[in-house]
Amino acid sequence: MSSINVLMNNLEKLKLPKMKENINKYLDMMSDGVKTPLEAIDEMVQMEMKYREDLAIVSCVKVANFPFQRSLQDFDFSFQPSLDRKKIEDLATLRFIENCENIIICGTPGVGKTHLAVGIGTEVAKAEIFCILYFVP
C-alpha cells in the first residue's frame, strides 16, 4: 500500500474528514513551494476545527427543536421600526444569561417575536450554553 493510501486510511480512522478531503491540494501546494509544511498543517487543522464547531452548532440547534431556523442577522428591523435594535443586539451577547435575567418578548401576532426568540436561542446554542427557553403562543 502506498504512503498516501496509508495516510488517507489513517485520516479516516481518526475521523478527520476535512483533512482527508483536502490533503492532495495541500500536498500539491507544499511541493510547489506555495505552503510550508507547517503552514499546510496549521491550515488543515484550523479547517478541521471549524468543521467540528459548525457540526456542534448544527447539533445544538437540532436538539433545541426550534420551530424553524432563523438568525438575528436575518431579522428585518425595518419591518418593526419601533423595535430597539440595540436592545436586540445586546440580547445577542447573551449577557442576560450571565446576569441570570429572564427576557420576555411580547407583541401582537405577526411582528417577529418567534423569529427573535429563535434567533436568540440559536445564539445560545452556538455558545453551547444550556438554558431553558419557553415559547408561549
Foldseek 3Di string as FASTA:
>chain_A
DDPLVVVLVVCVVVVLVQCSVCVVVLVVCCVVVVDPPVRSVVVSVVVSVVVVLVVQLVVLLVVLVQPDAAAPVPDDCVLPVVDDPVVLVVLLVVVCVVVVHDDDDDDDPPSCSSNSQNNSVSSCSSVVHDDDDDDDD
